[in-house]
Every structure is written in structure tokens, then in C-alpha cells.
Amino acid sequence: MRSTASQADPAYRYSWSQMAWMLPLAIGIAGLVVSAVGWATNPAQFYFSYLIGWAFCLSLTVGAYFFVIIQHLTKARWSVVVRRIPETLTWSFPLLAVLGIPILLGMHDLYHWTHHDLFDPTSEHYDPILADKEGYLNTPFFLARVAFYFIFWTFISFKLYTLSVRQDNDPDPSIPKLQRKYSAIGLGIGAVVTSFAAFDILMSLDPHWFSTIFGVYFFGGAFMSIMAVMILVSLVLRNNGMLKKEIKVDHFQDLGKFLFAFTVFWAYIAFSQYMLIWYGNLPEETIFFRHRLEHGWGTYSAILLLGHFVFPFIMLIGRWGKRWLPFLGFMAIWMLGMQWFDMFWLIKPVMEADHAALSLYDISAWFGLFGVFSAAFMYRLSRHALVPQRDPRLHKSLSFTNS
């Protein structure tokens, strides 16, 4: 689709230098180069570190996906001026599919169930529990499912983004109806797709363990994260002279409310998952928490509890924390760090259950993937108007006030 950036209202035009995407790209390339050293020296470590960074970026994109479709379905007015940020972020699904190729190459190291001798009754490594799951946990079916997830996410995101960009120049009254139509499809099927994606990509790392609400747990962190991203990007745009009048403190307060709400929601789902597993006391379920409470991992679990819930709960519960923009920006950065730490806590114990450690490659892969991811996002954001210009609810968003 042809860029409409040159046709945008000057107030909504992107006016930052190319460094906005070139700098994170340079950081990303540097991080991936360092990670490549890890691949050459310790492939298993590389694949787990890479998966942590990749899952973090995926969670941001999934959060953006759900935010956009919920705004269309609810006909939300307050969020129109910031909606182009998550709309742009949903364009990352094809990029993440390409960046996910190393994970597919490292499936033998990442996913225990890919070892064929586990399903052979004559092998000394035969696992009867996994043998019962072979119909689902097999490589061809896994690849087909992951391909479907990304095709579906990309299709819905592409439809909603292109309709929004088209609306910048075409006030066709049928566009909002089409946006709600695709959003309805995207919400219902997307909820199932996201749950199964969380099961396949993350939960199946430990194939003996299962939790029926793991998909909701992943969604909670993802939706919380997109609030942090929107806060940070909005602050960056304002600090560089863009959308100062359009994105007001009132909008930041609502974003802060959502950030707080989904911090609590994530904690609620995390506790519910823990409580049900503790109460059931089944070995195939409790092993997940055992691996994260022994051999030094208990310290990491405490950090996650305090950093992902207790600290932000105290800091964001008051109105002042949502309206003091420098502080809100700090909390957004903090919560993105905690989202990465959550992915680390979910994935790394599978590799090193008997030894808690943070590797250099865990950090380099994060910077590498997030740098490339951010560069692609900022470049795409520069291609069109920063707000949906002819959205019928834009004037309500511009005059929004928060009580």
C-alpha cells in the first residue's frame, strides 16, 4: 500500500530522524552478533536464550493485536489518538515468523518431545506419558500449528491496519463496520489461537507438565506489556515534538490504569495457577514449581513476585503515579523488564533445573531481537500518519478528559 505520510495533517505527521530506527537496528545487530558466538560455542544455551528474547517480542505483538481488536469492538473513543501505535506493532508478526527460524532449527535442543526414542517401546528412554501425547506432540503437526497461528494473526492484523490507513484519506462509513467485523473474528478465534500458541511454544518445553489456564497467563502478561509500550512510545513522540496536544495526560492516566489493572490480572492468574496445582498435588503438575523453587531458582521466583506484582502494585495504585509522566515512563520500562524476566523464568529452568544462572547470551539475545523488532516498528510507524485521521471517534479522543 502506498505511504500516506506525505498526505497526513501536519499535526499528525512523523517528524523524527532516521536514527529512530537506525540506532535500535545497530544495537540489535550487535546483540545478535554476540549471540552468534554463543551459537558457535554452546548451541543449547543459544537456543534457549534466543527463545526467551523471541517470546518476549511475541508477547508484545500479541498484546497489541488484542488491544486493537478490543478498541474496535467496544467503539472506544479515548484510545483513538494512541491506537496507531499498537496497529503498527501488529505488523511484526511476519517479522517474528522469520526471526523464529532459529527456534525451529533448535527444536531438538529446546523440545524434549522431539527425541524419537522417547516414543519407541524398545528404547531404554521410552516415556509412556509422552507416548500417549505423540498424536499432538510431533514435529509435523507442531510446525503446521505454528504456521496457522502466524497466518491467522497476520491476516487479521493486515486487514485492520490497512483499513485504518485507508481511512486516513477515505472517510468511507463502511470502514468502521469492516473493522468491527474482522475484530469479531479476530477476538473469538484469536483467543483460541493464542492459548494454543502459548501451549505449544512455551508450555510444551516441559511436556510432562500442563495447565489449562497457561494461555490466559500468557495473555495477561502480553496485554500488560502493550500498555507499557504505548506509554513509552507516546512519551518518546511527545518529547520529540509530536502529538503534544493530541496525547494528553488524561490519555496517559488511562494507559496507566490499564497497566495497573493487568499487573493485578497477571498476578491473579499466576496465583490461581499455583493454587490449583498446589491443591491438586499431582507430581506431573507440581514439577513445574519444584523446578522454580529449588537449586537457586527460588530467588528468581521471589524477584518475579516482588518485581512483577508487589512493587508496581504499590507504585501504580495511586492517581499520581499515572499522571506524573516521568514516573509513569519509568514504570513502563520496569514492567517491560519484568515481562522479559517472566519469559526467562518460564523458559530457562527447563534447561538448567539444577542450577539457576543468568547467561550473557540471555541478555544479548534480548537486545538483539528487541533491537531489530523496535527498528522495524519505528520504521513502519514513520510511514503513515501517527493517528487515524478520519476515524469518526477521533474528535472525542482529542477532547477526552479523565475524572
Protein backbone atom coordinates (compact mmCIF):
# COMPACT_ATOMS: atom_id res chain seq x y z
CA MET A 1 0.00 0.00 0.00
CA ARG A 2 1.29 3.46 -0.91
CA SER A 3 2.50 5.54 2.01
CA THR A 4 0.20 8.32 3.15
CA ALA A 5 2.76 10.02 5.35
CA SER A 6 3.09 12.93 2.91
CA GLN A 7 -0.72 13.41 2.94
CA ALA A 8 -1.03 13.48 6.71
CA ASP A 9 -2.21 16.51 8.60
CA PRO A 10 1.00 18.30 9.72
CA ALA A 11 -0.06 17.87 13.34
CA TYR A 12 -0.10 14.10 12.87
CA ARG A 13 2.99 13.73 10.72
CA TYR A 14 6.02 11.76 11.84
CA SER A 15 8.93 14.21 12.05
CA TRP A 16 11.82 12.34 13.66
CA SER A 17 15.17 11.49 12.08
CA GLN A 18 16.16 8.10 10.72
CA MET A 19 18.11 7.49 13.94
CA ALA A 20 14.79 6.49 15.50
CA TRP A 21 15.07 3.15 13.74
CA MET A 22 18.73 3.01 12.74
CA LEU A 23 20.02 3.13 16.33
CA PRO A 24 17.92 0.21 17.63
CA LEU A 25 18.80 -1.69 14.45
CA ALA A 26 22.52 -1.21 15.16
CA ILE A 27 22.03 -2.33 18.76
CA GLY A 28 20.03 -5.31 17.56
CA ILE A 29 22.67 -6.39 15.06
CA ALA A 30 25.36 -6.09 17.73
CA GLY A 31 23.32 -8.20 20.14
CA LEU A 32 22.73 -10.88 17.53
CA VAL A 33 26.43 -10.97 16.67
CA VAL A 34 27.26 -11.62 20.32
CA SER A 35 24.54 -14.28 20.42
CA ALA A 36 26.03 -15.92 17.32
CA VAL A 37 29.19 -16.51 19.35
CA GLY A 38 27.02 -18.40 21.83
CA TRP A 39 25.59 -20.47 18.99
CA ALA A 40 29.11 -21.42 17.88
CA THR A 41 30.30 -22.33 21.40
CA ASN A 42 27.17 -23.58 23.17
CA PRO A 43 24.21 -24.19 20.82
CA ALA A 44 21.79 -25.31 23.54
CA GLN A 45 22.41 -22.12 25.53
CA PHE A 46 21.94 -20.04 22.39
CA TYR A 47 18.61 -21.63 21.51
CA PHE A 48 17.15 -21.16 24.99
CA SER A 49 18.40 -17.57 25.21
CA TYR A 50 17.05 -16.85 21.75
CA LEU A 51 13.65 -18.32 22.61
CA ILE A 52 13.42 -16.09 25.69
CA GLY A 53 14.01 -12.93 23.64
CA TRP A 54 11.76 -14.08 20.83
CA ALA A 55 8.89 -14.99 23.17
CA PHE A 56 9.19 -11.55 24.76
CA CYS A 57 8.77 -9.83 21.38
CA LEU A 58 5.91 -12.15 20.50
CA SER A 59 4.12 -11.23 23.73
CA LEU A 60 4.29 -7.52 22.83
CA THR A 61 2.82 -8.17 19.41
CA VAL A 62 0.05 -10.41 20.75
CA GLY A 63 -0.81 -7.72 23.30
CA ALA A 64 -1.03 -5.13 20.51
CA TYR A 65 -3.25 -7.46 18.49
CA PHE A 66 -5.79 -7.84 21.28
CA PHE A 67 -5.72 -4.16 22.20
CA VAL A 68 -6.61 -3.10 18.65
CA ILE A 69 -9.49 -5.52 18.17
CA ILE A 70 -10.95 -4.73 21.60
CA GLN A 71 -10.93 -0.99 20.80
CA HIS A 72 -12.85 -1.61 17.58
CA LEU A 73 -15.39 -3.95 19.16
CA THR A 74 -16.12 -1.62 22.07
CA LYS A 75 -16.10 1.50 19.85
CA ALA A 76 -13.64 3.02 22.28
CA ARG A 77 -13.19 6.79 21.92
CA TRP A 78 -10.40 7.66 24.35
CA SER A 79 -7.81 5.43 22.66
CA VAL A 80 -8.10 6.61 19.04
CA VAL A 81 -5.13 9.01 19.29
CA VAL A 82 -2.82 6.23 20.52
CA ARG A 83 -4.28 3.34 18.51
CA ARG A 84 -1.89 3.69 15.58
CA ILE A 85 0.96 2.55 17.88
CA PRO A 86 -0.40 -0.97 18.52
CA GLU A 87 -1.76 -1.13 14.96
CA THR A 88 1.77 -0.62 13.70
CA LEU A 89 3.15 -3.14 16.15
CA THR A 90 0.88 -5.89 14.81
CA TRP A 91 2.82 -5.68 11.55
CA SER A 92 5.58 -7.51 13.40
CA PHE A 93 4.01 -10.96 13.03
CA PRO A 94 5.67 -11.70 9.65
CA LEU A 95 9.00 -10.42 11.01
CA LEU A 96 8.68 -12.66 14.07
CA ALA A 97 7.91 -15.62 11.83
CA VAL A 98 11.22 -15.05 10.04
CA LEU A 99 13.10 -14.41 13.28
CA GLY A 100 11.64 -17.65 14.62
CA ILE A 101 13.55 -19.81 12.12
CA PRO A 102 16.48 -20.41 14.56
CA ILE A 103 13.96 -21.78 17.07
CA LEU A 104 12.76 -24.31 14.52
CA LEU A 105 16.36 -25.26 13.81
CA GLY A 106 16.96 -25.76 17.52
CA MET A 107 13.84 -27.77 18.30
CA HIS A 108 15.86 -30.86 19.23
CA ASP A 109 17.61 -28.90 21.98
CA LEU A 110 14.53 -26.97 23.09
CA TYR A 111 11.73 -29.50 22.99
CA HIS A 112 12.32 -32.81 24.72
CA TRP A 113 9.42 -34.44 22.91
CA THR A 114 11.25 -34.19 19.57
CA HIS A 115 13.54 -37.06 20.66
CA HIS A 116 12.14 -40.04 18.76
CA ASP A 117 13.48 -42.69 21.13
CA LEU A 118 11.02 -41.46 23.78
CA PHE A 119 8.19 -42.96 21.72
CA ASP A 120 9.92 -46.28 20.96
CA PRO A 121 8.82 -49.03 23.41
CA THR A 122 12.06 -50.92 22.75
CA SER A 123 14.25 -47.97 23.75
CA GLU A 124 15.66 -47.55 27.25
CA HIS A 125 14.49 -43.90 27.08
CA TYR A 126 10.88 -44.85 26.34
CA ASP A 127 8.45 -42.46 28.06
CA PRO A 128 4.89 -43.84 28.32
CA ILE A 129 3.47 -40.43 29.30
CA LEU A 130 4.85 -38.77 26.18
CA ALA A 131 3.88 -41.77 24.07
CA ASP A 132 0.26 -41.02 24.92
CA LYS A 133 0.74 -37.46 23.64
CA GLU A 134 2.50 -38.38 20.40
CA GLY A 135 -0.60 -37.63 18.32
CA TYR A 136 -0.29 -33.97 19.33
CA LEU A 137 3.39 -33.56 20.19
CA ASN A 138 5.05 -34.43 16.92
CA THR A 139 7.14 -32.17 14.72
CA PRO A 140 5.00 -32.04 11.53
CA PHE A 141 1.82 -31.21 13.45
CA PHE A 142 3.68 -28.68 15.61
CA LEU A 143 5.02 -26.87 12.53
CA ALA A 144 1.60 -26.88 10.89
CA ARG A 145 0.01 -25.37 14.01
CA VAL A 146 2.62 -22.64 14.39
CA ALA A 147 2.27 -21.77 10.70
CA PHE A 148 -1.50 -21.46 11.15
CA TYR A 149 -1.09 -19.22 14.21
CA PHE A 150 1.09 -16.75 12.34
CA ILE A 151 -1.03 -16.82 9.19
CA PHE A 152 -4.16 -16.06 11.21
CA TRP A 153 -2.55 -13.33 13.33
CA THR A 154 -1.06 -11.74 10.21
CA PHE A 155 -4.30 -11.86 8.23
CA ILE A 156 -6.40 -10.12 10.91
CA SER A 157 -3.66 -7.59 11.65
CA PHE A 158 -3.18 -6.79 7.97
CA LYS A 159 -6.90 -6.22 7.45
CA LEU A 160 -7.27 -3.92 10.44
CA TYR A 161 -4.10 -1.95 9.71
CA THR A 162 -4.80 -1.40 6.02
CA LEU A 163 -8.39 -0.37 6.76
CA SER A 164 -7.14 2.13 9.33
CA VAL A 165 -4.56 3.59 6.93
CA ARG A 166 -7.12 3.72 4.12
CA GLN A 167 -9.41 5.69 6.43
CA ASP A 168 -6.77 8.44 6.68
CA ASN A 169 -7.74 9.51 3.15
CA ASP A 170 -11.12 7.86 2.62
CA PRO A 171 -13.99 8.72 5.03
CA ASP A 172 -15.98 5.70 3.83
CA PRO A 173 -18.60 4.99 6.56
CA SER A 174 -18.34 1.25 5.88
CA ILE A 175 -14.75 1.10 7.18
CA PRO A 176 -15.63 1.04 10.91
CA LYS A 177 -18.12 -1.77 10.22
CA LEU A 178 -15.44 -3.79 8.45
CA GLN A 179 -13.03 -3.15 11.30
CA ARG A 180 -15.55 -4.49 13.78
CA LYS A 181 -16.28 -7.48 11.56
CA TYR A 182 -12.63 -8.54 11.37
CA SER A 183 -12.16 -7.74 15.05
CA ALA A 184 -15.03 -10.06 15.99
CA ILE A 185 -13.41 -12.86 14.01
CA GLY A 186 -10.02 -11.99 15.42
CA LEU A 187 -11.19 -11.98 19.04
CA GLY A 188 -13.00 -15.31 19.07
CA ILE A 189 -10.58 -17.36 17.02
CA GLY A 190 -7.59 -15.34 18.20
CA ALA A 191 -8.24 -16.24 21.84
CA VAL A 192 -8.06 -19.93 20.99
CA VAL A 193 -5.06 -19.44 18.70
CA THR A 194 -3.15 -17.51 21.36
CA SER A 195 -3.86 -20.12 24.04
CA PHE A 196 -2.65 -22.95 21.83
CA ALA A 197 0.38 -20.93 20.76
CA ALA A 198 1.30 -20.48 24.43
CA PHE A 199 0.79 -24.22 24.99
CA ASP A 200 2.94 -25.20 22.01
CA ILE A 201 5.75 -22.65 22.16
CA LEU A 202 6.19 -22.35 25.93
CA MET A 203 4.30 -24.99 27.89
CA SER A 204 5.46 -27.92 25.76
CA LEU A 205 9.06 -27.15 26.74
CA ASP A 206 8.22 -29.32 29.76
CA PRO A 207 5.92 -31.86 28.09
CA HIS A 208 5.02 -33.70 31.30
CA TRP A 209 3.51 -30.55 32.79
CA PHE A 210 0.26 -28.88 31.80
CA SER A 211 -2.01 -26.06 32.92
CA THR A 212 -5.35 -25.28 31.31
CA ILE A 213 -5.04 -21.55 32.13
CA PHE A 214 -1.49 -21.12 30.86
CA GLY A 215 -2.80 -19.34 27.75
CA VAL A 216 -4.62 -16.81 29.95
CA TYR A 217 -1.40 -16.33 31.94
CA PHE A 218 0.48 -15.54 28.72
CA PHE A 219 -2.29 -13.18 27.57
CA GLY A 220 -2.23 -11.30 30.88
CA GLY A 221 1.47 -10.53 30.56
CA ALA A 222 1.11 -9.67 26.88
CA PHE A 223 -1.74 -7.20 27.41
CA MET A 224 0.08 -5.59 30.32
CA SER A 225 3.16 -5.21 28.14
CA ILE A 226 1.44 -3.38 25.30
CA MET A 227 0.28 -0.74 27.77
CA ALA A 228 3.91 -0.19 28.74
CA VAL A 229 4.93 0.03 25.07
CA MET A 230 2.20 2.56 24.28
CA ILE A 231 3.20 4.70 27.26
CA LEU A 232 6.86 4.70 26.24
CA VAL A 233 6.28 5.35 22.53
CA SER A 234 3.79 8.13 23.30
CA LEU A 235 6.31 9.76 25.64
CA VAL A 236 9.07 9.49 23.03
CA LEU A 237 6.84 11.07 20.37
CA ARG A 238 5.87 13.93 22.69
CA ASN A 239 9.48 14.54 23.73
CA ASN A 240 10.39 14.84 20.05
CA GLY A 241 7.69 17.39 19.26
CA MET A 242 4.93 15.08 18.00
CA LEU A 243 1.35 14.75 19.29
CA LYS A 244 1.97 17.02 22.29
CA LYS A 245 -1.57 18.37 22.19
CA GLU A 246 -3.23 15.20 20.97
CA ILE A 247 -1.91 12.75 23.60
CA LYS A 248 -2.76 14.40 26.90
CA VAL A 249 -2.05 13.48 30.49
CA ASP A 250 -5.61 12.14 30.60
CA HIS A 251 -4.72 9.54 27.97
CA PHE A 252 -1.62 8.56 29.91
CA GLN A 253 -3.74 8.17 33.02
CA ASP A 254 -5.97 5.65 31.26
CA LEU A 255 -2.95 3.78 29.92
CA GLY A 256 -1.60 3.75 33.46
CA LYS A 257 -4.91 2.37 34.72
CA PHE A 258 -4.68 -0.50 32.23
CA LEU A 259 -1.04 -1.09 33.14
CA PHE A 260 -2.02 -1.35 36.80
CA ALA A 261 -5.11 -3.46 36.10
CA PHE A 262 -3.27 -6.06 34.05
CA THR A 263 -0.43 -6.20 36.53
CA VAL A 264 -3.06 -7.30 39.04
CA PHE A 265 -4.74 -9.59 36.47
CA TRP A 266 -1.43 -11.31 35.71
CA ALA A 267 -0.85 -11.85 39.45
CA TYR A 268 -4.38 -13.21 39.87
CA ILE A 269 -3.93 -15.77 37.08
CA ALA A 270 -0.44 -16.68 38.33
CA PHE A 271 -1.76 -17.27 41.84
CA SER A 272 -4.78 -19.20 40.54
CA GLN A 273 -2.49 -21.48 38.55
CA TYR A 274 -0.23 -22.02 41.57
CA MET A 275 -3.12 -22.56 43.99
CA LEU A 276 -4.86 -25.16 41.82
CA ILE A 277 -1.64 -27.07 41.24
CA TRP A 278 -0.74 -26.93 44.94
CA TYR A 279 -4.21 -28.13 45.93
CA GLY A 280 -4.23 -30.95 43.37
CA ASN A 281 -0.74 -32.06 44.44
CA LEU A 282 -0.18 -34.19 41.34
CA PRO A 283 3.50 -34.93 40.59
CA GLU A 284 3.17 -34.20 36.85
CA GLU A 285 1.86 -30.72 37.71
CA THR A 286 3.89 -29.77 40.79
CA ILE A 287 7.18 -30.49 39.00
CA PHE A 288 6.83 -27.09 37.25
CA PHE A 289 7.01 -25.16 40.51
CA ARG A 290 9.51 -27.54 42.06
CA HIS A 291 11.97 -26.66 39.30
CA ARG A 292 11.42 -22.98 40.05
CA LEU A 293 11.77 -23.19 43.82
CA GLU A 294 14.92 -25.32 44.18
CA HIS A 295 18.62 -25.00 43.34
CA GLY A 296 18.62 -21.22 43.47
CA TRP A 297 15.52 -20.69 41.34
CA GLY A 298 13.53 -19.77 44.44
CA THR A 299 15.37 -16.43 44.49
CA TYR A 300 14.34 -15.76 40.89
CA SER A 301 10.74 -16.67 41.76
CA ALA A 302 10.79 -14.18 44.64
CA ILE A 303 12.18 -11.48 42.33
CA LEU A 304 9.34 -12.16 39.87
CA LEU A 305 6.71 -11.92 42.60
CA LEU A 306 8.10 -8.71 44.05
CA GLY A 307 9.05 -7.05 40.77
CA HIS A 308 6.08 -8.06 38.64
CA PHE A 309 3.36 -7.52 41.22
CA VAL A 310 4.20 -6.14 44.68
CA PHE A 311 6.36 -3.18 43.63
CA PRO A 312 4.21 -2.00 40.66
CA PHE A 313 1.02 -2.53 42.70
CA ILE A 314 2.27 -0.13 45.35
CA MET A 315 3.66 2.37 42.85
CA LEU A 316 0.70 2.48 40.45
CA ILE A 317 -2.29 2.20 42.78
CA GLY A 318 -2.41 5.98 43.33
CA ARG A 319 -3.66 8.52 40.80
CA TRP A 320 -0.40 10.48 40.99
CA GLY A 321 1.64 7.60 39.62
CA LYS A 322 -0.44 7.53 36.45
CA ARG A 323 -0.29 11.29 35.80
CA TRP A 324 3.36 12.03 36.66
CA LEU A 325 4.74 11.22 33.21
CA PRO A 326 8.46 10.70 34.04
CA PHE A 327 7.49 8.25 36.76
CA LEU A 328 4.95 6.51 34.53
CA GLY A 329 7.65 6.15 31.87
CA PHE A 330 9.96 4.57 34.44
CA MET A 331 7.26 2.11 35.47
CA ALA A 332 6.62 1.22 31.82
CA ILE A 333 10.31 0.38 31.38
CA TRP A 334 10.23 -1.58 34.63
CA MET A 335 7.24 -3.65 33.58
CA LEU A 336 8.76 -4.45 30.19
CA GLY A 337 11.83 -5.67 32.04
CA MET A 338 9.63 -7.80 34.25
CA GLN A 339 7.84 -9.22 31.21
CA TRP A 340 11.19 -10.36 29.84
CA PHE A 341 12.08 -11.75 33.26
CA ASP A 342 8.79 -13.69 33.25
CA MET A 343 9.74 -15.28 29.92
CA PHE A 344 13.18 -16.07 31.37
CA TRP A 345 11.55 -17.63 34.46
CA LEU A 346 9.27 -19.77 32.29
CA ILE A 347 11.92 -21.00 29.86
CA LYS A 348 15.38 -21.13 31.43
CA PRO A 349 14.68 -23.68 34.23
CA VAL A 350 13.82 -26.23 31.54
CA MET A 351 17.48 -26.11 30.51
CA GLU A 352 19.07 -25.71 33.93
CA ALA A 353 16.66 -27.00 36.57
CA ASP A 354 19.56 -27.88 38.89
CA HIS A 355 21.45 -24.62 38.53
CA ALA A 356 19.98 -21.11 38.49
CA ALA A 357 22.03 -18.78 36.29
CA LEU A 358 21.66 -15.75 34.06
CA SER A 359 23.81 -16.01 30.96
CA LEU A 360 25.38 -13.22 28.91
CA TYR A 361 23.60 -14.70 25.91
CA ASP A 362 20.22 -14.32 27.62
CA ILE A 363 20.88 -10.57 27.63
CA SER A 364 22.49 -10.32 24.19
CA ALA A 365 19.66 -12.25 22.52
CA TRP A 366 17.14 -9.96 24.20
CA PHE A 367 18.91 -6.81 23.00
CA GLY A 368 19.45 -8.33 19.56
CA LEU A 369 15.88 -9.39 18.90
CA PHE A 370 14.25 -6.41 20.60
CA GLY A 371 16.57 -4.05 18.73
CA VAL A 372 15.61 -5.44 15.32
CA PHE A 373 11.96 -5.64 16.42
CA SER A 374 11.99 -1.98 17.58
CA ALA A 375 13.73 -0.78 14.42
CA ALA A 376 11.10 -2.41 12.20
CA PHE A 377 8.34 -0.93 14.35
CA MET A 378 9.74 2.62 14.28
CA TYR A 379 10.32 2.46 10.53
CA ARG A 380 6.75 1.32 9.91
CA LEU A 381 5.41 3.99 12.28
CA SER A 382 7.12 6.67 10.19
CA ARG A 383 5.36 5.58 7.01
CA HIS A 384 1.88 6.85 7.85
CA ALA A 385 0.04 9.40 9.96
CA LEU A 386 0.57 8.94 13.68
CA VAL A 387 -3.18 8.91 14.38
CA PRO A 388 -6.16 7.56 12.39
CA GLN A 389 -7.09 10.90 10.83
CA ARG A 390 -10.68 10.32 9.78
CA ASP A 391 -11.79 7.91 12.44
CA PRO A 392 -15.36 9.01 13.39
CA ARG A 393 -14.39 8.96 17.06
CA LEU A 394 -11.19 10.97 16.72
CA HIS A 395 -12.75 14.25 17.86
CA LYS A 396 -13.98 12.54 21.03
CA SER A 397 -10.50 11.22 21.67
CA LEU A 398 -8.93 14.64 21.17
CA SER A 399 -11.31 16.20 23.70
CA PHE A 400 -11.05 13.30 26.18
CA THR A 401 -10.79 14.20 29.85
CA ASN A 402 -10.19 11.88 32.77
CA SER A 403 -12.04 12.38 36.03
